[in-house]
Amino acid sequence: MESVLKTIAAATPKPAQDELRSQLVSAGIPAPAVEVSASKTPTGLDVDAIEAAARLDKDCVMGEIRAGQVSVTVLPVLASGKCFVGDSR
């Protein structure tokens, strides 16, 4: 997750949701395990940060790109079986 996000952030400090999802799946993360936050607000503005998660057993590998910088952490899967609360199409 971290190496993929760093590669993306180096090329595009504010990647689009679909681009980020595609790159994570291309890196070998199964598509059903990938969750990505919105890259635009409801009014069409760029978000300050975009987050991605990959479910791995009972953990979620969570990554964030903010202003071209990457941070990654591991958190437990939510009771819903997802990493994010709400819609992360």
PDB file of N, CA and C in Angstrom:
ATOM      1  N   MET A   1       0.834  -1.185   0.000  1.00  0.00           N
ATOM      2  CA  MET A   1       0.000   0.000   0.000  1.00  0.00           C
ATOM      3  C   MET A   1       0.879   1.248   0.000  1.00  0.00           C
ATOM      4  N   GLU A   2       1.851   1.299   0.898  1.00  0.00           N
ATOM      5  CA  GLU A   2       2.668   2.499   1.023  1.00  0.00           C
ATOM      6  C   GLU A   2       3.439   2.799  -0.260  1.00  0.00           C
ATOM      7  N   SER A   3       4.058   1.791  -0.860  1.00  0.00           N
ATOM      8  CA  SER A   3       4.849   2.043  -2.066  1.00  0.00           C
ATOM      9  C   SER A   3       3.966   2.473  -3.231  1.00  0.00           C
ATOM     10  N   VAL A   4       2.778   1.895  -3.342  1.00  0.00           N
ATOM     11  CA  VAL A   4       1.848   2.291  -4.407  1.00  0.00           C
ATOM     12  C   VAL A   4       1.402   3.732  -4.200  1.00  0.00           C
ATOM     13  N   LEU A   5       1.044   4.083  -2.977  1.00  0.00           N
ATOM     14  CA  LEU A   5       0.594   5.450  -2.702  1.00  0.00           C
ATOM     15  C   LEU A   5       1.710   6.468  -2.931  1.00  0.00           C
ATOM     16  N   LYS A   6       2.932   6.125  -2.556  1.00  0.00           N
ATOM     17  CA  LYS A   6       4.045   7.049  -2.787  1.00  0.00           C
ATOM     18  C   LYS A   6       4.291   7.262  -4.271  1.00  0.00           C
ATOM     19  N   THR A   7       4.171   6.213  -5.059  1.00  0.00           N
ATOM     20  CA  THR A   7       4.336   6.336  -6.508  1.00  0.00           C
ATOM     21  C   THR A   7       3.258   7.233  -7.098  1.00  0.00           C
ATOM     22  N   ILE A   8       2.019   7.018  -6.667  1.00  0.00           N
ATOM     23  CA  ILE A   8       0.903   7.836  -7.153  1.00  0.00           C
ATOM     24  C   ILE A   8       1.079   9.285  -6.726  1.00  0.00           C
ATOM     25  N   ALA A   9       1.402   9.507  -5.454  1.00  0.00           N
ATOM     26  CA  ALA A   9       1.542  10.869  -4.926  1.00  0.00           C
ATOM     27  C   ALA A   9       2.667  11.630  -5.619  1.00  0.00           C
ATOM     28  N   ALA A  10       3.727  10.932  -6.000  1.00  0.00           N
ATOM     29  CA  ALA A  10       4.841  11.591  -6.696  1.00  0.00           C
ATOM     30  C   ALA A  10       4.402  12.092  -8.069  1.00  0.00           C
ATOM     31  N   ALA A  11       3.521  11.342  -8.704  1.00  0.00           N
ATOM     32  CA  ALA A  11       3.047  11.731 -10.043  1.00  0.00           C
ATOM     33  C   ALA A  11       1.871  12.692  -9.982  1.00  0.00           C
ATOM     34  N   THR A  12       0.980  12.485  -8.989  1.00  0.00           N
ATOM     35  CA  THR A  12      -0.243  13.276  -8.868  1.00  0.00           C
ATOM     36  C   THR A  12      -0.532  13.506  -7.398  1.00  0.00           C
ATOM     37  N   PRO A  13      -0.191  14.671  -6.843  1.00  0.00           N
ATOM     38  CA  PRO A  13      -0.409  14.921  -5.416  1.00  0.00           C
ATOM     39  C   PRO A  13      -1.883  14.842  -4.980  1.00  0.00           C
ATOM     40  N   LYS A  14      -2.818  15.010  -5.934  1.00  0.00           N
ATOM     41  CA  LYS A  14      -4.255  14.914  -5.640  1.00  0.00           C
ATOM     42  C   LYS A  14      -4.901  13.968  -6.656  1.00  0.00           C
ATOM     43  N   PRO A  15      -4.703  12.648  -6.491  1.00  0.00           N
ATOM     44  CA  PRO A  15      -5.243  11.705  -7.467  1.00  0.00           C
ATOM     45  C   PRO A  15      -6.765  11.590  -7.385  1.00  0.00           C
ATOM     46  N   ALA A  16      -7.376  11.186  -8.490  1.00  0.00           N
ATOM     47  CA  ALA A  16      -8.811  10.952  -8.532  1.00  0.00           C
ATOM     48  C   ALA A  16      -9.129   9.596  -7.913  1.00  0.00           C
ATOM     49  N   GLN A  17     -10.329   9.460  -7.403  1.00  0.00           N
ATOM     50  CA  GLN A  17     -10.775   8.240  -6.740  1.00  0.00           C
ATOM     51  C   GLN A  17     -10.586   7.009  -7.636  1.00  0.00           C
ATOM     52  N   ASP A  18     -11.055   7.071  -8.879  1.00  0.00           N
ATOM     53  CA  ASP A  18     -10.954   5.927  -9.790  1.00  0.00           C
ATOM     54  C   ASP A  18      -9.506   5.582 -10.118  1.00  0.00           C
ATOM     55  N   GLU A  19      -8.671   6.602 -10.273  1.00  0.00           N
ATOM     56  CA  GLU A  19      -7.252   6.385 -10.553  1.00  0.00           C
ATOM     57  C   GLU A  19      -6.582   5.648  -9.395  1.00  0.00           C
ATOM     58  N   LEU A  20      -6.866   6.083  -8.186  1.00  0.00           N
ATOM     59  CA  LEU A  20      -6.270   5.466  -7.001  1.00  0.00           C
ATOM     60  C   LEU A  20      -6.722   4.014  -6.872  1.00  0.00           C
ATOM     61  N   ARG A  21      -8.009   3.767  -7.033  1.00  0.00           N
ATOM     62  CA  ARG A  21      -8.544   2.403  -6.957  1.00  0.00           C
ATOM     63  C   ARG A  21      -7.887   1.516  -8.014  1.00  0.00           C
ATOM     64  N   SER A  22      -7.806   2.001  -9.227  1.00  0.00           N
ATOM     65  CA  SER A  22      -7.218   1.240 -10.329  1.00  0.00           C
ATOM     66  C   SER A  22      -5.771   0.871 -10.058  1.00  0.00           C
ATOM     67  N   GLN A  23      -4.991   1.808  -9.543  1.00  0.00           N
ATOM     68  CA  GLN A  23      -3.577   1.562  -9.255  1.00  0.00           C
ATOM     69  C   GLN A  23      -3.401   0.521  -8.147  1.00  0.00           C
ATOM     70  N   LEU A  24      -4.259   0.561  -7.144  1.00  0.00           N
ATOM     71  CA  LEU A  24      -4.164  -0.415  -6.054  1.00  0.00           C
ATOM     72  C   LEU A  24      -4.513  -1.824  -6.547  1.00  0.00           C
ATOM     73  N   VAL A  25      -5.532  -1.913  -7.381  1.00  0.00           N
ATOM     74  CA  VAL A  25      -5.915  -3.209  -7.947  1.00  0.00           C
ATOM     75  C   VAL A  25      -4.818  -3.703  -8.888  1.00  0.00           C
ATOM     76  N   SER A  26      -4.252  -2.810  -9.687  1.00  0.00           N
ATOM     77  CA  SER A  26      -3.150  -3.192 -10.587  1.00  0.00           C
ATOM     78  C   SER A  26      -1.932  -3.683  -9.813  1.00  0.00           C
ATOM     79  N   ALA A  27      -1.769  -3.204  -8.582  1.00  0.00           N
ATOM     80  CA  ALA A  27      -0.640  -3.620  -7.747  1.00  0.00           C
ATOM     81  C   ALA A  27      -0.878  -4.986  -7.100  1.00  0.00           C
ATOM     82  N   GLY A  28      -2.067  -5.549  -7.304  1.00  0.00           N
ATOM     83  CA  GLY A  28      -2.332  -6.888  -6.802  1.00  0.00           C
ATOM     84  C   GLY A  28      -3.301  -6.989  -5.647  1.00  0.00           C
ATOM     85  N   ILE A  29      -3.861  -5.885  -5.209  1.00  0.00           N
ATOM     86  CA  ILE A  29      -4.852  -5.936  -4.140  1.00  0.00           C
ATOM     87  C   ILE A  29      -6.186  -6.313  -4.772  1.00  0.00           C
ATOM     88  N   PRO A  30      -6.852  -7.354  -4.286  1.00  0.00           N
ATOM     89  CA  PRO A  30      -8.124  -7.764  -4.880  1.00  0.00           C
ATOM     90  C   PRO A  30      -9.157  -6.627  -4.839  1.00  0.00           C
ATOM     91  N   ALA A  31      -9.823  -6.390  -5.952  1.00  0.00           N
ATOM     92  CA  ALA A  31     -10.779  -5.289  -6.064  1.00  0.00           C
ATOM     93  C   ALA A  31     -11.822  -5.263  -4.949  1.00  0.00           C
ATOM     94  N   PRO A  32     -12.391  -6.414  -4.546  1.00  0.00           N
ATOM     95  CA  PRO A  32     -13.392  -6.353  -3.476  1.00  0.00           C
ATOM     96  C   PRO A  32     -12.832  -5.908  -2.125  1.00  0.00           C
ATOM     97  N   ALA A  33     -11.523  -5.973  -1.947  1.00  0.00           N
ATOM     98  CA  ALA A  33     -10.897  -5.587  -0.677  1.00  0.00           C
ATOM     99  C   ALA A  33     -10.520  -4.114  -0.631  1.00  0.00           C
ATOM    100  N   VAL A  34     -10.652  -3.407  -1.762  1.00  0.00           N
ATOM    101  CA  VAL A  34     -10.209  -2.009  -1.850  1.00  0.00           C
ATOM    102  C   VAL A  34     -11.373  -1.051  -1.598  1.00  0.00           C
ATOM    103  N   GLU A  35     -11.142  -0.074  -0.745  1.00  0.00           N
ATOM    104  CA  GLU A  35     -12.082   1.023  -0.511  1.00  0.00           C
ATOM    105  C   GLU A  35     -11.309   2.324  -0.695  1.00  0.00           C
ATOM    106  N   VAL A  36     -11.929   3.300  -1.372  1.00  0.00           N
ATOM    107  CA  VAL A  36     -11.276   4.584  -1.628  1.00  0.00           C
ATOM    108  C   VAL A  36     -12.276   5.696  -1.343  1.00  0.00           C
ATOM    109  N   SER A  37     -11.829   6.714  -0.631  1.00  0.00           N
ATOM    110  CA  SER A  37     -12.700   7.849  -0.326  1.00  0.00           C
ATOM    111  C   SER A  37     -12.897   8.707  -1.575  1.00  0.00           C
ATOM    112  N   ALA A  38     -13.829   9.618  -1.488  1.00  0.00           N
ATOM    113  CA  ALA A  38     -14.120  10.533  -2.599  1.00  0.00           C
ATOM    114  C   ALA A  38     -12.946  11.479  -2.825  1.00  0.00           C
ATOM    115  N   SER A  39     -12.734  11.829  -4.092  1.00  0.00           N
ATOM    116  CA  SER A  39     -11.671  12.778  -4.425  1.00  0.00           C
ATOM    117  C   SER A  39     -12.223  14.180  -4.683  1.00  0.00           C
ATOM    118  N   LYS A  40     -13.534  14.297  -4.712  1.00  0.00           N
ATOM    119  CA  LYS A  40     -14.208  15.589  -4.899  1.00  0.00           C
ATOM    120  C   LYS A  40     -15.295  15.747  -3.856  1.00  0.00           C
ATOM    121  N   THR A  41     -15.538  16.980  -3.438  1.00  0.00           N
ATOM    122  CA  THR A  41     -16.646  17.268  -2.527  1.00  0.00           C
ATOM    123  C   THR A  41     -17.948  17.250  -3.335  1.00  0.00           C
ATOM    124  N   PRO A  42     -19.093  17.246  -2.665  1.00  0.00           N
ATOM    125  CA  PRO A  42     -20.365  17.288  -3.388  1.00  0.00           C
ATOM    126  C   PRO A  42     -20.512  18.523  -4.285  1.00  0.00           C
ATOM    127  N   THR A  43     -19.760  19.587  -3.998  1.00  0.00           N
ATOM    128  CA  THR A  43     -19.832  20.800  -4.828  1.00  0.00           C
ATOM    129  C   THR A  43     -18.751  20.827  -5.910  1.00  0.00           C
ATOM    130  N   GLY A  44     -17.978  19.726  -6.045  1.00  0.00           N
ATOM    131  CA  GLY A  44     -16.997  19.623  -7.125  1.00  0.00           C
ATOM    132  C   GLY A  44     -15.593  20.096  -6.800  1.00  0.00           C
ATOM    133  N   LEU A  45     -15.340  20.464  -5.563  1.00  0.00           N
ATOM    134  CA  LEU A  45     -13.996  20.905  -5.182  1.00  0.00           C
ATOM    135  C   LEU A  45     -13.111  19.697  -4.870  1.00  0.00           C
ATOM    136  N   ASP A  46     -11.793  19.850  -5.028  1.00  0.00           N
ATOM    137  CA  ASP A  46     -10.860  18.798  -4.631  1.00  0.00           C
ATOM    138  C   ASP A  46     -10.882  18.658  -3.115  1.00  0.00           C
ATOM    139  N   VAL A  47     -10.790  17.428  -2.626  1.00  0.00           N
ATOM    140  CA  VAL A  47     -10.699  17.206  -1.181  1.00  0.00           C
ATOM    141  C   VAL A  47      -9.279  17.508  -0.711  1.00  0.00           C
ATOM    142  N   ASP A  48      -9.113  17.756   0.571  1.00  0.00           N
ATOM    143  CA  ASP A  48      -7.785  18.020   1.133  1.00  0.00           C
ATOM    144  C   ASP A  48      -6.924  16.769   1.151  1.00  0.00           C
ATOM    145  N   ALA A  49      -7.571  15.609   1.345  1.00  0.00           N
ATOM    146  CA  ALA A  49      -6.847  14.338   1.400  1.00  0.00           C
ATOM    147  C   ALA A  49      -7.742  13.246   0.828  1.00  0.00           C
ATOM    148  N   ILE A  50      -7.119  12.255   0.224  1.00  0.00           N
ATOM    149  CA  ILE A  50      -7.850  11.089  -0.247  1.00  0.00           C
ATOM    150  C   ILE A  50      -7.300   9.884   0.500  1.00  0.00           C
ATOM    151  N   GLU A  51      -8.195   8.993   0.894  1.00  0.00           N
ATOM    152  CA  GLU A  51      -7.789   7.827   1.671  1.00  0.00           C
ATOM    153  C   GLU A  51      -8.160   6.552   0.934  1.00  0.00           C
ATOM    154  N   ALA A  52      -7.364   5.531   1.170  1.00  0.00           N
ATOM    155  CA  ALA A  52      -7.621   4.219   0.600  1.00  0.00           C
ATOM    156  C   ALA A  52      -7.433   3.183   1.696  1.00  0.00           C
ATOM    157  N   ALA A  53      -8.156   2.086   1.557  1.00  0.00           N
ATOM    158  CA  ALA A  53      -8.037   1.001   2.526  1.00  0.00           C
ATOM    159  C   ALA A  53      -8.044  -0.324   1.791  1.00  0.00           C
ATOM    160  N   ALA A  54      -7.304  -1.265   2.322  1.00  0.00           N
ATOM    161  CA  ALA A  54      -7.298  -2.631   1.809  1.00  0.00           C
ATOM    162  C   ALA A  54      -7.549  -3.562   2.990  1.00  0.00           C
ATOM    163  N   ARG A  55      -8.627  -4.330   2.902  1.00  0.00           N
ATOM    164  CA  ARG A  55      -8.972  -5.264   3.969  1.00  0.00           C
ATOM    165  C   ARG A  55      -8.076  -6.496   3.872  1.00  0.00           C
ATOM    166  N   LEU A  56      -7.503  -6.880   5.004  1.00  0.00           N
ATOM    167  CA  LEU A  56      -6.637  -8.054   5.073  1.00  0.00           C
ATOM    168  C   LEU A  56      -7.001  -8.808   6.340  1.00  0.00           C
ATOM    169  N   ASP A  57      -7.786  -9.866   6.190  1.00  0.00           N
ATOM    170  CA  ASP A  57      -8.306 -10.634   7.325  1.00  0.00           C
ATOM    171  C   ASP A  57      -9.093  -9.716   8.259  1.00  0.00           C
ATOM    172  N   LYS A  58      -8.626  -9.537   9.489  1.00  0.00           N
ATOM    173  CA  LYS A  58      -9.348  -8.713  10.462  1.00  0.00           C
ATOM    174  C   LYS A  58      -8.761  -7.314  10.591  1.00  0.00           C
ATOM    175  N   ASP A  59      -7.897  -6.958   9.658  1.00  0.00           N
ATOM    176  CA  ASP A  59      -7.258  -5.641   9.688  1.00  0.00           C
ATOM    177  C   ASP A  59      -7.547  -4.868   8.403  1.00  0.00           C
ATOM    178  N   CYS A  60      -7.414  -3.564   8.495  1.00  0.00           N
ATOM    179  CA  CYS A  60      -7.503  -2.671   7.348  1.00  0.00           C
ATOM    180  C   CYS A  60      -6.183  -1.909   7.255  1.00  0.00           C
ATOM    181  N   VAL A  61      -5.537  -2.006   6.121  1.00  0.00           N
ATOM    182  CA  VAL A  61      -4.347  -1.197   5.869  1.00  0.00           C
ATOM    183  C   VAL A  61      -4.876   0.106   5.276  1.00  0.00           C
ATOM    184  N   MET A  62      -4.741   1.179   6.047  1.00  0.00           N
ATOM    185  CA  MET A  62      -5.292   2.483   5.674  1.00  0.00           C
ATOM    186  C   MET A  62      -4.167   3.396   5.208  1.00  0.00           C
ATOM    187  N   GLY A  63      -4.362   4.019   4.051  1.00  0.00           N
ATOM    188  CA  GLY A  63      -3.378   4.948   3.536  1.00  0.00           C
ATOM    189  C   GLY A  63      -4.022   6.269   3.176  1.00  0.00           C
ATOM    190  N   GLU A  64      -3.256   7.336   3.282  1.00  0.00           N
ATOM    191  CA  GLU A  64      -3.761   8.678   2.982  1.00  0.00           C
ATOM    192  C   GLU A  64      -2.737   9.435   2.162  1.00  0.00           C
ATOM    193  N   ILE A  65      -3.232  10.171   1.169  1.00  0.00           N
ATOM    194  CA  ILE A  65      -2.399  11.119   0.421  1.00  0.00           C
ATOM    195  C   ILE A  65      -2.940  12.505   0.726  1.00  0.00           C
ATOM    196  N   ARG A  66      -2.078  13.353   1.299  1.00  0.00           N
ATOM    197  CA  ARG A  66      -2.450  14.735   1.637  1.00  0.00           C
ATOM    198  C   ARG A  66      -1.304  15.631   1.193  1.00  0.00           C
ATOM    199  N   ALA A  67      -1.590  16.513   0.264  1.00  0.00           N
ATOM    200  CA  ALA A  67      -0.583  17.449  -0.256  1.00  0.00           C
ATOM    201  C   ALA A  67       0.667  16.713  -0.746  1.00  0.00           C
ATOM    202  N   GLY A  68       0.468  15.556  -1.376  1.00  0.00           N
ATOM    203  CA  GLY A  68       1.581  14.802  -1.928  1.00  0.00           C
ATOM    204  C   GLY A  68       2.337  13.946  -0.933  1.00  0.00           C
ATOM    205  N   GLN A  69       1.942  14.000   0.346  1.00  0.00           N
ATOM    206  CA  GLN A  69       2.585  13.204   1.395  1.00  0.00           C
ATOM    207  C   GLN A  69       1.726  11.976   1.709  1.00  0.00           C
ATOM    208  N   VAL A  70       2.385  10.873   2.026  1.00  0.00           N
ATOM    209  CA  VAL A  70       1.688   9.613   2.280  1.00  0.00           C
ATOM    210  C   VAL A  70       1.854   9.198   3.733  1.00  0.00           C
ATOM    211  N   SER A  71       0.770   8.725   4.316  1.00  0.00           N
ATOM    212  CA  SER A  71       0.848   8.096   5.635  1.00  0.00           C
ATOM    213  C   SER A  71       0.033   6.811   5.576  1.00  0.00           C
ATOM    214  N   VAL A  72       0.493   5.799   6.299  1.00  0.00           N
ATOM    215  CA  VAL A  72      -0.156   4.482   6.297  1.00  0.00           C
ATOM    216  C   VAL A  72      -0.233   3.980   7.732  1.00  0.00           C
ATOM    217  N   THR A  73      -1.345   3.347   8.062  1.00  0.00           N
ATOM    218  CA  THR A  73      -1.534   2.746   9.376  1.00  0.00           C
ATOM    219  C   THR A  73      -2.396   1.499   9.232  1.00  0.00           C
ATOM    220  N   VAL A  74      -2.447   0.693  10.260  1.00  0.00           N
ATOM    221  CA  VAL A  74      -3.282  -0.502  10.280  1.00  0.00           C
ATOM    222  C   VAL A  74      -4.305  -0.353  11.395  1.00  0.00           C
ATOM    223  N   LEU A  75      -5.581  -0.570  11.044  1.00  0.00           N
ATOM    224  CA  LEU A  75      -6.684  -0.466  11.999  1.00  0.00           C
ATOM    225  C   LEU A  75      -7.543  -1.721  11.901  1.00  0.00           C
ATOM    226  N   PRO A  76      -8.343  -2.019  12.921  1.00  0.00           N
ATOM    227  CA  PRO A  76      -9.212  -3.192  12.840  1.00  0.00           C
ATOM    228  C   PRO A  76     -10.379  -2.969  11.873  1.00  0.00           C
ATOM    229  N   VAL A  77     -10.841  -4.062  11.279  1.00  0.00           N
ATOM    230  CA  VAL A  77     -12.032  -4.016  10.424  1.00  0.00           C
ATOM    231  C   VAL A  77     -13.227  -3.624  11.289  1.00  0.00           C
ATOM    232  N   LEU A  78     -14.137  -2.833  10.728  1.00  0.00           N
ATOM    233  CA  LEU A  78     -15.346  -2.427  11.448  1.00  0.00           C
ATOM    234  C   LEU A  78     -16.320  -3.597  11.551  1.00  0.00           C
ATOM    235  N   ALA A  79     -17.293  -3.486  12.425  1.00  0.00           N
ATOM    236  CA  ALA A  79     -18.302  -4.539  12.608  1.00  0.00           C
ATOM    237  C   ALA A  79     -19.049  -4.837  11.303  1.00  0.00           C
ATOM    238  N   SER A  80     -19.114  -3.865  10.416  1.00  0.00           N
ATOM    239  CA  SER A  80     -19.786  -4.041   9.122  1.00  0.00           C
ATOM    240  C   SER A  80     -18.983  -4.907   8.165  1.00  0.00           C
ATOM    241  N   GLY A  81     -17.715  -5.185   8.522  1.00  0.00           N
ATOM    242  CA  GLY A  81     -16.840  -5.929   7.620  1.00  0.00           C
ATOM    243  C   GLY A  81     -16.093  -5.021   6.664  1.00  0.00           C
ATOM    244  N   LYS A  82     -16.286  -3.725   6.795  1.00  0.00           N
ATOM    245  CA  LYS A  82     -15.647  -2.735   5.934  1.00  0.00           C
ATOM    246  C   LYS A  82     -14.568  -1.981   6.708  1.00  0.00           C
ATOM    247  N   CYS A  83     -13.804  -1.179   5.974  1.00  0.00           N
ATOM    248  CA  CYS A  83     -12.790  -0.332   6.597  1.00  0.00           C
ATOM    249  C   CYS A  83     -13.296   1.089   6.792  1.00  0.00           C
ATOM    250  N   PHE A  84     -14.189   1.540   5.906  1.00  0.00           N
ATOM    251  CA  PHE A  84     -14.740   2.895   5.972  1.00  0.00           C
ATOM    252  C   PHE A  84     -16.181   2.855   6.462  1.00  0.00           C
ATOM    253  N   VAL A  85     -16.589   3.911   7.133  1.00  0.00           N
ATOM    254  CA  VAL A  85     -17.983   4.112   7.462  1.00  0.00           C
ATOM    255  C   VAL A  85     -18.589   4.866   6.293  1.00  0.00           C
ATOM    256  N   GLY A  86     -19.711   4.412   5.792  1.00  0.00           N
ATOM    257  CA  GLY A  86     -20.377   5.125   4.702  1.00  0.00           C
ATOM    258  C   GLY A  86     -19.958   4.611   3.334  1.00  0.00           C
ATOM    259  N   ASP A  87     -20.302   5.378   2.325  1.00  0.00           N
ATOM    260  CA  ASP A  87     -20.118   5.000   0.924  1.00  0.00           C
ATOM    261  C   ASP A  87     -18.700   5.286   0.469  1.00  0.00           C
ATOM    262  N   SER A  88     -18.049   4.289  -0.101  1.00  0.00           N
ATOM    263  CA  SER A  88     -16.699   4.485  -0.639  1.00  0.00           C
ATOM    264  C   SER A  88     -16.579   3.841  -2.008  1.00  0.00           C
ATOM    265  N   ARG A  89     -17.564   4.069  -2.841  1.00  0.00           N
ATOM    266  CA  ARG A  89     -17.583   3.464  -4.177  1.00  0.00           C
ATOM    267  C   ARG A  89     -16.289   3.706  -4.821  1.00  0.00           C
TER     268      ARG A  89
END
